[in-house]
Amino acid sequence: MPGKRKPNLDAKAAALSKYTLQDILKLKFTKDDQFRPGKTIQKWIKDTVAPQLKQYITSEEVMKKVTDGGFSLQAHLVIVVGSRHILIWDMDCNGDLVEEPYLAMSS
């Protein structure tokens, strides 16, 4: 389109640096994305990523190590969004996401 230029990576990163947690959760993958077209980050995490982690942490192998080995279990989803944000969403020992994720603080 004449007169419309795509923002460069620095401009995108600067814009993203101002996003809040809720803004980030509402970001959508492009329609061209092969695996998550049009999904928000939040929906993708809840529908795809969290169930995978839950399946792993509730597996027989992991549960055996926790119960027999005396280990404690902590699970976290860590997602890097652009180059400016790290989204962390904790999961309890039952494989349920805690209510709200948080953004890691950057320096």
PDB file of N, CA and C in Angstrom:
ATOM      1  N   MET A   1       0.843  -1.178   0.000  1.00  0.00           N
ATOM      2  CA  MET A   1       0.000   0.000   0.000  1.00  0.00           C
ATOM      3  C   MET A   1       0.885   1.238   0.000  1.00  0.00           C
ATOM      4  N   PRO A   2       0.671   2.132  -0.916  1.00  0.00           N
ATOM      5  CA  PRO A   2       1.483   3.344  -0.963  1.00  0.00           C
ATOM      6  C   PRO A   2       1.294   4.172   0.302  1.00  0.00           C
ATOM      7  N   GLY A   3       2.410   4.705   0.802  1.00  0.00           N
ATOM      8  CA  GLY A   3       2.348   5.586   1.960  1.00  0.00           C
ATOM      9  C   GLY A   3       2.311   4.852   3.294  1.00  0.00           C
ATOM     10  N   LYS A   4       2.162   3.545   3.272  1.00  0.00           N
ATOM     11  CA  LYS A   4       2.148   2.784   4.529  1.00  0.00           C
ATOM     12  C   LYS A   4       3.415   1.954   4.601  1.00  0.00           C
ATOM     13  N   ARG A   5       4.186   2.205   5.644  1.00  0.00           N
ATOM     14  CA  ARG A   5       5.403   1.445   5.846  1.00  0.00           C
ATOM     15  C   ARG A   5       5.256   0.601   7.094  1.00  0.00           C
ATOM     16  N   LYS A   6       5.853  -0.584   7.052  1.00  0.00           N
ATOM     17  CA  LYS A   6       5.872  -1.421   8.243  1.00  0.00           C
ATOM     18  C   LYS A   6       6.851  -0.809   9.233  1.00  0.00           C
ATOM     19  N   PRO A   7       6.489  -0.797  10.516  1.00  0.00           N
ATOM     20  CA  PRO A   7       7.447  -0.277  11.504  1.00  0.00           C
ATOM     21  C   PRO A   7       8.663  -1.198  11.594  1.00  0.00           C
ATOM     22  N   ASN A   8       9.823  -0.612  11.847  1.00  0.00           N
ATOM     23  CA  ASN A   8      11.019  -1.442  11.978  1.00  0.00           C
ATOM     24  C   ASN A   8      11.023  -2.132  13.342  1.00  0.00           C
ATOM     25  N   LEU A   9      11.960  -3.043  13.539  1.00  0.00           N
ATOM     26  CA  LEU A   9      12.002  -3.824  14.770  1.00  0.00           C
ATOM     27  C   LEU A   9      12.178  -2.963  16.009  1.00  0.00           C
ATOM     28  N   ASP A  10      12.980  -1.913  15.914  1.00  0.00           N
ATOM     29  CA  ASP A  10      13.173  -1.036  17.069  1.00  0.00           C
ATOM     30  C   ASP A  10      11.875  -0.328  17.448  1.00  0.00           C
ATOM     31  N   ALA A  11      11.117   0.099  16.460  1.00  0.00           N
ATOM     32  CA  ALA A  11       9.839   0.764  16.733  1.00  0.00           C
ATOM     33  C   ALA A  11       8.854  -0.220  17.358  1.00  0.00           C
ATOM     34  N   LYS A  12       8.843  -1.450  16.859  1.00  0.00           N
ATOM     35  CA  LYS A  12       7.961  -2.471  17.435  1.00  0.00           C
ATOM     36  C   LYS A  12       8.355  -2.762  18.881  1.00  0.00           C
ATOM     37  N   ALA A  13       9.647  -2.902  19.126  1.00  0.00           N
ATOM     38  CA  ALA A  13      10.129  -3.195  20.479  1.00  0.00           C
ATOM     39  C   ALA A  13       9.794  -2.050  21.433  1.00  0.00           C
ATOM     40  N   ALA A  14       9.953  -0.819  20.958  1.00  0.00           N
ATOM     41  CA  ALA A  14       9.630   0.341  21.800  1.00  0.00           C
ATOM     42  C   ALA A  14       8.144   0.365  22.142  1.00  0.00           C
ATOM     43  N   ALA A  15       7.301   0.056  21.171  1.00  0.00           N
ATOM     44  CA  ALA A  15       5.852   0.024  21.426  1.00  0.00           C
ATOM     45  C   ALA A  15       5.522  -1.098  22.401  1.00  0.00           C
ATOM     46  N   LEU A  16       6.114  -2.263  22.209  1.00  0.00           N
ATOM     47  CA  LEU A  16       5.849  -3.400  23.077  1.00  0.00           C
ATOM     48  C   LEU A  16       6.307  -3.149  24.511  1.00  0.00           C
ATOM     49  N   SER A  17       7.347  -2.364  24.677  1.00  0.00           N
ATOM     50  CA  SER A  17       7.867  -2.103  26.023  1.00  0.00           C
ATOM     51  C   SER A  17       6.845  -1.390  26.905  1.00  0.00           C
ATOM     52  N   LYS A  18       5.864  -0.741  26.302  1.00  0.00           N
ATOM     53  CA  LYS A  18       4.841  -0.012  27.060  1.00  0.00           C
ATOM     54  C   LYS A  18       3.611  -0.869  27.366  1.00  0.00           C
ATOM     55  N   TYR A  19       3.565  -2.089  26.850  1.00  0.00           N
ATOM     56  CA  TYR A  19       2.402  -2.952  27.042  1.00  0.00           C
ATOM     57  C   TYR A  19       2.308  -3.437  28.484  1.00  0.00           C
ATOM     58  N   THR A  20       1.091  -3.509  28.980  1.00  0.00           N
ATOM     59  CA  THR A  20       0.835  -4.076  30.292  1.00  0.00           C
ATOM     60  C   THR A  20       0.635  -5.583  30.149  1.00  0.00           C
ATOM     61  N   LEU A  21       0.513  -6.255  31.268  1.00  0.00           N
ATOM     62  CA  LEU A  21       0.258  -7.693  31.243  1.00  0.00           C
ATOM     63  C   LEU A  21      -0.996  -8.012  30.435  1.00  0.00           C
ATOM     64  N   GLN A  22      -2.073  -7.279  30.683  1.00  0.00           N
ATOM     65  CA  GLN A  22      -3.325  -7.547  29.968  1.00  0.00           C
ATOM     66  C   GLN A  22      -3.182  -7.284  28.471  1.00  0.00           C
ATOM     67  N   ASP A  23      -2.424  -6.262  28.097  1.00  0.00           N
ATOM     68  CA  ASP A  23      -2.168  -5.996  26.676  1.00  0.00           C
ATOM     69  C   ASP A  23      -1.452  -7.180  26.028  1.00  0.00           C
ATOM     70  N   ILE A  24      -0.471  -7.723  26.731  1.00  0.00           N
ATOM     71  CA  ILE A  24       0.310  -8.829  26.194  1.00  0.00           C
ATOM     72  C   ILE A  24      -0.556 -10.077  26.041  1.00  0.00           C
ATOM     73  N   LEU A  25      -1.377 -10.367  27.029  1.00  0.00           N
ATOM     74  CA  LEU A  25      -2.242 -11.544  26.957  1.00  0.00           C
ATOM     75  C   LEU A  25      -3.225 -11.456  25.793  1.00  0.00           C
ATOM     76  N   LYS A  26      -3.570 -10.245  25.381  1.00  0.00           N
ATOM     77  CA  LYS A  26      -4.524 -10.053  24.288  1.00  0.00           C
ATOM     78  C   LYS A  26      -3.873 -10.008  22.904  1.00  0.00           C
ATOM     79  N   LEU A  27      -2.536  -9.999  22.856  1.00  0.00           N
ATOM     80  CA  LEU A  27      -1.858 -10.003  21.559  1.00  0.00           C
ATOM     81  C   LEU A  27      -2.268 -11.237  20.774  1.00  0.00           C
ATOM     82  N   LYS A  28      -2.449 -11.071  19.478  1.00  0.00           N
ATOM     83  CA  LYS A  28      -2.848 -12.194  18.625  1.00  0.00           C
ATOM     84  C   LYS A  28      -1.720 -12.595  17.697  1.00  0.00           C
ATOM     85  N   PHE A  29      -1.649 -13.893  17.465  1.00  0.00           N
ATOM     86  CA  PHE A  29      -0.752 -14.407  16.439  1.00  0.00           C
ATOM     87  C   PHE A  29      -1.345 -14.029  15.091  1.00  0.00           C
ATOM     88  N   THR A  30      -0.502 -13.908  14.086  1.00  0.00           N
ATOM     89  CA  THR A  30      -1.002 -13.521  12.770  1.00  0.00           C
ATOM     90  C   THR A  30      -1.841 -14.646  12.169  1.00  0.00           C
ATOM     91  N   LYS A  31      -2.660 -14.284  11.232  1.00  0.00           N
ATOM     92  CA  LYS A  31      -3.494 -15.282  10.538  1.00  0.00           C
ATOM     93  C   LYS A  31      -2.628 -16.265   9.740  1.00  0.00           C
ATOM     94  N   ASP A  32      -1.382 -15.851   9.429  1.00  0.00           N
ATOM     95  CA  ASP A  32      -0.462 -16.705   8.678  1.00  0.00           C
ATOM     96  C   ASP A  32       0.280 -17.706   9.558  1.00  0.00           C
ATOM     97  N   ASP A  33       0.160 -17.588  10.880  1.00  0.00           N
ATOM     98  CA  ASP A  33       0.843 -18.503  11.788  1.00  0.00           C
ATOM     99  C   ASP A  33       0.317 -19.919  11.555  1.00  0.00           C
ATOM    100  N   GLN A  34       1.219 -20.857  11.375  1.00  0.00           N
ATOM    101  CA  GLN A  34       0.831 -22.218  11.011  1.00  0.00           C
ATOM    102  C   GLN A  34       0.083 -22.946  12.124  1.00  0.00           C
ATOM    103  N   PHE A  35       0.423 -22.679  13.386  1.00  0.00           N
ATOM    104  CA  PHE A  35      -0.132 -23.467  14.483  1.00  0.00           C
ATOM    105  C   PHE A  35      -1.121 -22.711  15.373  1.00  0.00           C
ATOM    106  N   ARG A  36      -1.081 -21.379  15.373  1.00  0.00           N
ATOM    107  CA  ARG A  36      -1.929 -20.598  16.282  1.00  0.00           C
ATOM    108  C   ARG A  36      -2.605 -19.434  15.582  1.00  0.00           C
ATOM    109  N   PRO A  37      -3.068 -19.583  14.371  1.00  0.00           N
ATOM    110  CA  PRO A  37      -3.562 -18.415  13.616  1.00  0.00           C
ATOM    111  C   PRO A  37      -4.713 -17.700  14.323  1.00  0.00           C
ATOM    112  N   GLY A  38      -4.509 -16.421  14.584  1.00  0.00           N
ATOM    113  CA  GLY A  38      -5.557 -15.589  15.160  1.00  0.00           C
ATOM    114  C   GLY A  38      -5.801 -15.772  16.643  1.00  0.00           C
ATOM    115  N   LYS A  39      -5.116 -16.714  17.288  1.00  0.00           N
ATOM    116  CA  LYS A  39      -5.312 -16.927  18.732  1.00  0.00           C
ATOM    117  C   LYS A  39      -4.581 -15.853  19.520  1.00  0.00           C
ATOM    118  N   THR A  40      -5.153 -15.502  20.666  1.00  0.00           N
ATOM    119  CA  THR A  40      -4.429 -14.608  21.569  1.00  0.00           C
ATOM    120  C   THR A  40      -3.385 -15.432  22.318  1.00  0.00           C
ATOM    121  N   ILE A  41      -2.418 -14.748  22.888  1.00  0.00           N
ATOM    122  CA  ILE A  41      -1.404 -15.443  23.683  1.00  0.00           C
ATOM    123  C   ILE A  41      -2.078 -16.173  24.845  1.00  0.00           C
ATOM    124  N   GLN A  42      -3.034 -15.525  25.497  1.00  0.00           N
ATOM    125  CA  GLN A  42      -3.711 -16.142  26.630  1.00  0.00           C
ATOM    126  C   GLN A  42      -4.448 -17.427  26.225  1.00  0.00           C
ATOM    127  N   LYS A  43      -5.165 -17.379  25.113  1.00  0.00           N
ATOM    128  CA  LYS A  43      -5.918 -18.557  24.656  1.00  0.00           C
ATOM    129  C   LYS A  43      -4.962 -19.687  24.268  1.00  0.00           C
ATOM    130  N   TRP A  44      -3.884 -19.354  23.597  1.00  0.00           N
ATOM    131  CA  TRP A  44      -2.890 -20.350  23.217  1.00  0.00           C
ATOM    132  C   TRP A  44      -2.301 -21.030  24.450  1.00  0.00           C
ATOM    133  N   ILE A  45      -1.969 -20.237  25.472  1.00  0.00           N
ATOM    134  CA  ILE A  45      -1.420 -20.814  26.699  1.00  0.00           C
ATOM    135  C   ILE A  45      -2.435 -21.751  27.343  1.00  0.00           C
ATOM    136  N   LYS A  46      -3.657 -21.263  27.512  1.00  0.00           N
ATOM    137  CA  LYS A  46      -4.670 -22.062  28.208  1.00  0.00           C
ATOM    138  C   LYS A  46      -5.084 -23.304  27.419  1.00  0.00           C
ATOM    139  N   ASP A  47      -5.174 -23.197  26.103  1.00  0.00           N
ATOM    140  CA  ASP A  47      -5.657 -24.315  25.277  1.00  0.00           C
ATOM    141  C   ASP A  47      -4.579 -25.323  24.897  1.00  0.00           C
ATOM    142  N   THR A  48      -3.349 -24.876  24.765  1.00  0.00           N
ATOM    143  CA  THR A  48      -2.305 -25.746  24.212  1.00  0.00           C
ATOM    144  C   THR A  48      -1.132 -25.953  25.162  1.00  0.00           C
ATOM    145  N   VAL A  49      -0.554 -24.866  25.644  1.00  0.00           N
ATOM    146  CA  VAL A  49       0.687 -24.965  26.415  1.00  0.00           C
ATOM    147  C   VAL A  49       0.442 -25.530  27.811  1.00  0.00           C
ATOM    148  N   ALA A  50      -0.534 -24.992  28.529  1.00  0.00           N
ATOM    149  CA  ALA A  50      -0.804 -25.459  29.898  1.00  0.00           C
ATOM    150  C   ALA A  50      -1.180 -26.942  29.942  1.00  0.00           C
ATOM    151  N   PRO A  51      -2.032 -27.427  29.038  1.00  0.00           N
ATOM    152  CA  PRO A  51      -2.341 -28.864  29.073  1.00  0.00           C
ATOM    153  C   PRO A  51      -1.106 -29.746  28.851  1.00  0.00           C
ATOM    154  N   GLN A  52      -0.180 -29.288  28.019  1.00  0.00           N
ATOM    155  CA  GLN A  52       1.044 -30.068  27.796  1.00  0.00           C
ATOM    156  C   GLN A  52       1.879 -30.145  29.065  1.00  0.00           C
ATOM    157  N   LEU A  53       2.024 -28.993  29.749  1.00  0.00           N
ATOM    158  CA  LEU A  53       2.798 -28.984  30.990  1.00  0.00           C
ATOM    159  C   LEU A  53       2.076 -29.799  32.064  1.00  0.00           C
ATOM    160  N   LYS A  54       0.763 -29.682  32.134  1.00  0.00           N
ATOM    161  CA  LYS A  54      -0.014 -30.453  33.114  1.00  0.00           C
ATOM    162  C   LYS A  54       0.179 -31.948  32.887  1.00  0.00           C
ATOM    163  N   GLN A  55       0.130 -32.375  31.645  1.00  0.00           N
ATOM    164  CA  GLN A  55       0.317 -33.790  31.326  1.00  0.00           C
ATOM    165  C   GLN A  55       1.680 -34.272  31.812  1.00  0.00           C
ATOM    166  N   TYR A  56       2.686 -33.429  31.647  1.00  0.00           N
ATOM    167  CA  TYR A  56       4.024 -33.806  32.082  1.00  0.00           C
ATOM    168  C   TYR A  56       4.120 -33.867  33.602  1.00  0.00           C
ATOM    169  N   ILE A  57       3.670 -32.826  34.299  1.00  0.00           N
ATOM    170  CA  ILE A  57       3.880 -32.805  35.753  1.00  0.00           C
ATOM    171  C   ILE A  57       2.976 -33.772  36.500  1.00  0.00           C
ATOM    172  N   THR A  58       1.890 -34.196  35.869  1.00  0.00           N
ATOM    173  CA  THR A  58       1.021 -35.184  36.519  1.00  0.00           C
ATOM    174  C   THR A  58       1.302 -36.602  36.015  1.00  0.00           C
ATOM    175  N   SER A  59       2.358 -36.743  35.231  1.00  0.00           N
ATOM    176  CA  SER A  59       2.708 -38.066  34.712  1.00  0.00           C
ATOM    177  C   SER A  59       3.156 -38.980  35.854  1.00  0.00           C
ATOM    178  N   GLU A  60       3.046 -40.253  35.606  1.00  0.00           N
ATOM    179  CA  GLU A  60       3.426 -41.253  36.613  1.00  0.00           C
ATOM    180  C   GLU A  60       4.892 -41.096  37.022  1.00  0.00           C
ATOM    181  N   GLU A  61       5.742 -40.838  36.055  1.00  0.00           N
ATOM    182  CA  GLU A  61       7.180 -40.700  36.329  1.00  0.00           C
ATOM    183  C   GLU A  61       7.466 -39.526  37.262  1.00  0.00           C
ATOM    184  N   VAL A  62       6.867 -38.378  36.980  1.00  0.00           N
ATOM    185  CA  VAL A  62       7.105 -37.198  37.814  1.00  0.00           C
ATOM    186  C   VAL A  62       6.471 -37.381  39.190  1.00  0.00           C
ATOM    187  N   MET A  63       5.245 -37.886  39.238  1.00  0.00           N
ATOM    188  CA  MET A  63       4.574 -38.091  40.519  1.00  0.00           C
ATOM    189  C   MET A  63       5.344 -39.069  41.402  1.00  0.00           C
ATOM    190  N   LYS A  64       5.951 -40.098  40.796  1.00  0.00           N
ATOM    191  CA  LYS A  64       6.746 -41.055  41.559  1.00  0.00           C
ATOM    192  C   LYS A  64       7.952 -40.363  42.195  1.00  0.00           C
ATOM    193  N   LYS A  65       8.601 -39.485  41.454  1.00  0.00           N
ATOM    194  CA  LYS A  65       9.752 -38.765  42.003  1.00  0.00           C
ATOM    195  C   LYS A  65       9.330 -37.836  43.143  1.00  0.00           C
ATOM    196  N   VAL A  66       8.159 -37.243  43.010  1.00  0.00           N
ATOM    197  CA  VAL A  66       7.677 -36.329  44.043  1.00  0.00           C
ATOM    198  C   VAL A  66       7.324 -37.114  45.312  1.00  0.00           C
ATOM    199  N   THR A  67       6.564 -38.196  45.149  1.00  0.00           N
ATOM    200  CA  THR A  67       6.106 -38.935  46.330  1.00  0.00           C
ATOM    201  C   THR A  67       7.196 -39.819  46.927  1.00  0.00           C
ATOM    202  N   ASP A  68       7.916 -40.551  46.094  1.00  0.00           N
ATOM    203  CA  ASP A  68       8.938 -41.479  46.598  1.00  0.00           C
ATOM    204  C   ASP A  68      10.268 -40.788  46.899  1.00  0.00           C
ATOM    205  N   GLY A  69      10.588 -39.796  46.120  1.00  0.00           N
ATOM    206  CA  GLY A  69      11.894 -39.158  46.260  1.00  0.00           C
ATOM    207  C   GLY A  69      11.918 -37.972  47.199  1.00  0.00           C
ATOM    208  N   GLY A  70      10.754 -37.582  47.687  1.00  0.00           N
ATOM    209  CA  GLY A  70      10.707 -36.455  48.606  1.00  0.00           C
ATOM    210  C   GLY A  70      10.962 -35.117  47.935  1.00  0.00           C
ATOM    211  N   PHE A  71      10.804 -35.071  46.628  1.00  0.00           N
ATOM    212  CA  PHE A  71      11.002 -33.821  45.911  1.00  0.00           C
ATOM    213  C   PHE A  71       9.757 -32.949  46.042  1.00  0.00           C
ATOM    214  N   SER A  72       9.950 -31.655  45.960  1.00  0.00           N
ATOM    215  CA  SER A  72       8.789 -30.759  45.842  1.00  0.00           C
ATOM    216  C   SER A  72       8.704 -30.345  44.380  1.00  0.00           C
ATOM    217  N   LEU A  73       7.528 -29.986  43.969  1.00  0.00           N
ATOM    218  CA  LEU A  73       7.296 -29.686  42.561  1.00  0.00           C
ATOM    219  C   LEU A  73       6.929 -28.226  42.384  1.00  0.00           C
ATOM    220  N   GLN A  74       7.618 -27.574  41.479  1.00  0.00           N
ATOM    221  CA  GLN A  74       7.274 -26.228  41.055  1.00  0.00           C
ATOM    222  C   GLN A  74       7.292 -26.232  39.541  1.00  0.00           C
ATOM    223  N   ALA A  75       6.239 -25.706  38.936  1.00  0.00           N
ATOM    224  CA  ALA A  75       6.180 -25.658  37.483  1.00  0.00           C
ATOM    225  C   ALA A  75       5.842 -24.238  37.048  1.00  0.00           C
ATOM    226  N   HIS A  76       6.505 -23.792  36.008  1.00  0.00           N
ATOM    227  CA  HIS A  76       6.307 -22.439  35.508  1.00  0.00           C
ATOM    228  C   HIS A  76       6.318 -22.461  33.986  1.00  0.00           C
ATOM    229  N   LEU A  77       5.396 -21.750  33.390  1.00  0.00           N
ATOM    230  CA  LEU A  77       5.454 -21.490  31.960  1.00  0.00           C
ATOM    231  C   LEU A  77       6.198 -20.180  31.799  1.00  0.00           C
ATOM    232  N   VAL A  78       7.198 -20.167  30.958  1.00  0.00           N
ATOM    233  CA  VAL A  78       7.976 -18.953  30.714  1.00  0.00           C
ATOM    234  C   VAL A  78       7.924 -18.690  29.216  1.00  0.00           C
ATOM    235  N   ILE A  79       7.398 -17.526  28.861  1.00  0.00           N
ATOM    236  CA  ILE A  79       7.230 -17.183  27.455  1.00  0.00           C
ATOM    237  C   ILE A  79       7.858 -15.822  27.219  1.00  0.00           C
ATOM    238  N   VAL A  80       8.760 -15.774  26.270  1.00  0.00           N
ATOM    239  CA  VAL A  80       9.395 -14.512  25.894  1.00  0.00           C
ATOM    240  C   VAL A  80       8.536 -13.873  24.811  1.00  0.00           C
ATOM    241  N   VAL A  81       8.125 -12.648  25.061  1.00  0.00           N
ATOM    242  CA  VAL A  81       7.265 -11.910  24.131  1.00  0.00           C
ATOM    243  C   VAL A  81       8.098 -10.772  23.550  1.00  0.00           C
ATOM    244  N   GLY A  82       8.412 -10.897  22.268  1.00  0.00           N
ATOM    245  CA  GLY A  82       9.281  -9.899  21.647  1.00  0.00           C
ATOM    246  C   GLY A  82      10.639  -9.954  22.314  1.00  0.00           C
ATOM    247  N   SER A  83      11.251  -8.814  22.457  1.00  0.00           N
ATOM    248  CA  SER A  83      12.543  -8.759  23.153  1.00  0.00           C
ATOM    249  C   SER A  83      12.420  -7.962  24.439  1.00  0.00           C
ATOM    250  N   ARG A  84      11.186  -7.645  24.829  1.00  0.00           N
ATOM    251  CA  ARG A  84      10.994  -6.740  25.959  1.00  0.00           C
ATOM    252  C   ARG A  84      10.285  -7.329  27.166  1.00  0.00           C
ATOM    253  N   HIS A  85       9.600  -8.448  27.005  1.00  0.00           N
ATOM    254  CA  HIS A  85       8.818  -8.980  28.116  1.00  0.00           C
ATOM    255  C   HIS A  85       9.031 -10.475  28.279  1.00  0.00           C
ATOM    256  N   ILE A  86       9.032 -10.897  29.534  1.00  0.00           N
ATOM    257  CA  ILE A  86       9.046 -12.303  29.869  1.00  0.00           C
ATOM    258  C   ILE A  86       7.811 -12.561  30.708  1.00  0.00           C
ATOM    259  N   LEU A  87       6.913 -13.365  30.174  1.00  0.00           N
ATOM    260  CA  LEU A  87       5.656 -13.706  30.823  1.00  0.00           C
ATOM    261  C   LEU A  87       5.858 -15.005  31.594  1.00  0.00           C
ATOM    262  N   ILE A  88       5.488 -15.003  32.872  1.00  0.00           N
ATOM    263  CA  ILE A  88       5.631 -16.193  33.706  1.00  0.00           C
ATOM    264  C   ILE A  88       4.259 -16.541  34.273  1.00  0.00           C
ATOM    265  N   TRP A  89       3.879 -17.797  34.103  1.00  0.00           N
ATOM    266  CA  TRP A  89       2.601 -18.260  34.625  1.00  0.00           C
ATOM    267  C   TRP A  89       2.881 -19.526  35.414  1.00  0.00           C
ATOM    268  N   ASP A  90       2.664 -19.478  36.702  1.00  0.00           N
ATOM    269  CA  ASP A  90       2.932 -20.610  37.574  1.00  0.00           C
ATOM    270  C   ASP A  90       1.813 -21.643  37.489  1.00  0.00           C
ATOM    271  N   MET A  91       2.187 -22.882  37.740  1.00  0.00           N
ATOM    272  CA  MET A  91       1.238 -23.979  37.741  1.00  0.00           C
ATOM    273  C   MET A  91       1.373 -24.691  39.082  1.00  0.00           C
ATOM    274  N   ASP A  92       0.241 -25.036  39.691  1.00  0.00           N
ATOM    275  CA  ASP A  92       0.298 -25.729  40.973  1.00  0.00           C
ATOM    276  C   ASP A  92       0.589 -27.220  40.759  1.00  0.00           C
ATOM    277  N   CYS A  93       0.737 -27.959  41.862  1.00  0.00           N
ATOM    278  CA  CYS A  93       1.127 -29.367  41.756  1.00  0.00           C
ATOM    279  C   CYS A  93       0.027 -30.246  41.167  1.00  0.00           C
ATOM    280  N   ASN A  94      -1.201 -29.713  41.049  1.00  0.00           N
ATOM    281  CA  ASN A  94      -2.291 -30.446  40.410  1.00  0.00           C
ATOM    282  C   ASN A  94      -2.344 -30.200  38.905  1.00  0.00           C
ATOM    283  N   GLY A  95      -1.480 -29.316  38.418  1.00  0.00           N
ATOM    284  CA  GLY A  95      -1.453 -29.011  36.993  1.00  0.00           C
ATOM    285  C   GLY A  95      -2.411 -27.916  36.592  1.00  0.00           C
ATOM    286  N   ASP A  96      -2.818 -27.097  37.560  1.00  0.00           N
ATOM    287  CA  ASP A  96      -3.715 -25.977  37.263  1.00  0.00           C
ATOM    288  C   ASP A  96      -2.926 -24.673  37.282  1.00  0.00           C
ATOM    289  N   LEU A  97      -3.172 -23.834  36.287  1.00  0.00           N
ATOM    290  CA  LEU A  97      -2.526 -22.523  36.269  1.00  0.00           C
ATOM    291  C   LEU A  97      -3.032 -21.698  37.441  1.00  0.00           C
ATOM    292  N   VAL A  98      -2.127 -20.939  38.062  1.00  0.00           N
ATOM    293  CA  VAL A  98      -2.590 -19.999  39.074  1.00  0.00           C
ATOM    294  C   VAL A  98      -3.411 -18.939  38.358  1.00  0.00           C
ATOM    295  N   GLU A  99      -4.150 -18.181  39.114  1.00  0.00           N
ATOM    296  CA  GLU A  99      -5.129 -17.268  38.513  1.00  0.00           C
ATOM    297  C   GLU A  99      -4.532 -16.286  37.501  1.00  0.00           C
ATOM    298  N   GLU A 100      -3.431 -15.664  37.843  1.00  0.00           N
ATOM    299  CA  GLU A 100      -2.857 -14.633  36.972  1.00  0.00           C
ATOM    300  C   GLU A 100      -1.373 -14.865  36.722  1.00  0.00           C
ATOM    301  N   PRO A 101      -0.932 -14.659  35.506  1.00  0.00           N
ATOM    302  CA  PRO A 101       0.510 -14.679  35.236  1.00  0.00           C
ATOM    303  C   PRO A 101       1.122 -13.350  35.688  1.00  0.00           C
ATOM    304  N   TYR A 102       2.405 -13.224  35.540  1.00  0.00           N
ATOM    305  CA  TYR A 102       3.073 -11.954  35.843  1.00  0.00           C
ATOM    306  C   TYR A 102       4.215 -11.749  34.865  1.00  0.00           C
ATOM    307  N   LEU A 103       4.654 -10.525  34.800  1.00  0.00           N
ATOM    308  CA  LEU A 103       5.781 -10.186  33.930  1.00  0.00           C
ATOM    309  C   LEU A 103       7.035 -10.106  34.781  1.00  0.00           C
ATOM    310  N   ALA A 104       8.099 -10.752  34.326  1.00  0.00           N
ATOM    311  CA  ALA A 104       9.379 -10.649  35.008  1.00  0.00           C
ATOM    312  C   ALA A 104       9.872  -9.228  34.841  1.00  0.00           C
ATOM    313  N   MET A 105      10.492  -8.722  35.847  1.00  0.00           N
ATOM    314  CA  MET A 105      11.003  -7.350  35.772  1.00  0.00           C
ATOM    315  C   MET A 105      12.296  -7.354  34.974  1.00  0.00           C
ATOM    316  N   SER A 106      12.426  -6.362  34.130  1.00  0.00           N
ATOM    317  CA  SER A 106      13.658  -6.244  33.359  1.00  0.00           C
ATOM    318  C   SER A 106      14.406  -5.006  33.823  1.00  0.00           C
ATOM    319  N   SER A 107      15.677  -5.016  33.597  1.00  0.00           N
ATOM    320  CA  SER A 107      16.481  -3.880  34.063  1.00  0.00           C
ATOM    321  C   SER A 107      16.601  -2.829  32.987  1.00  0.00           C
TER     322      SER A 107
END
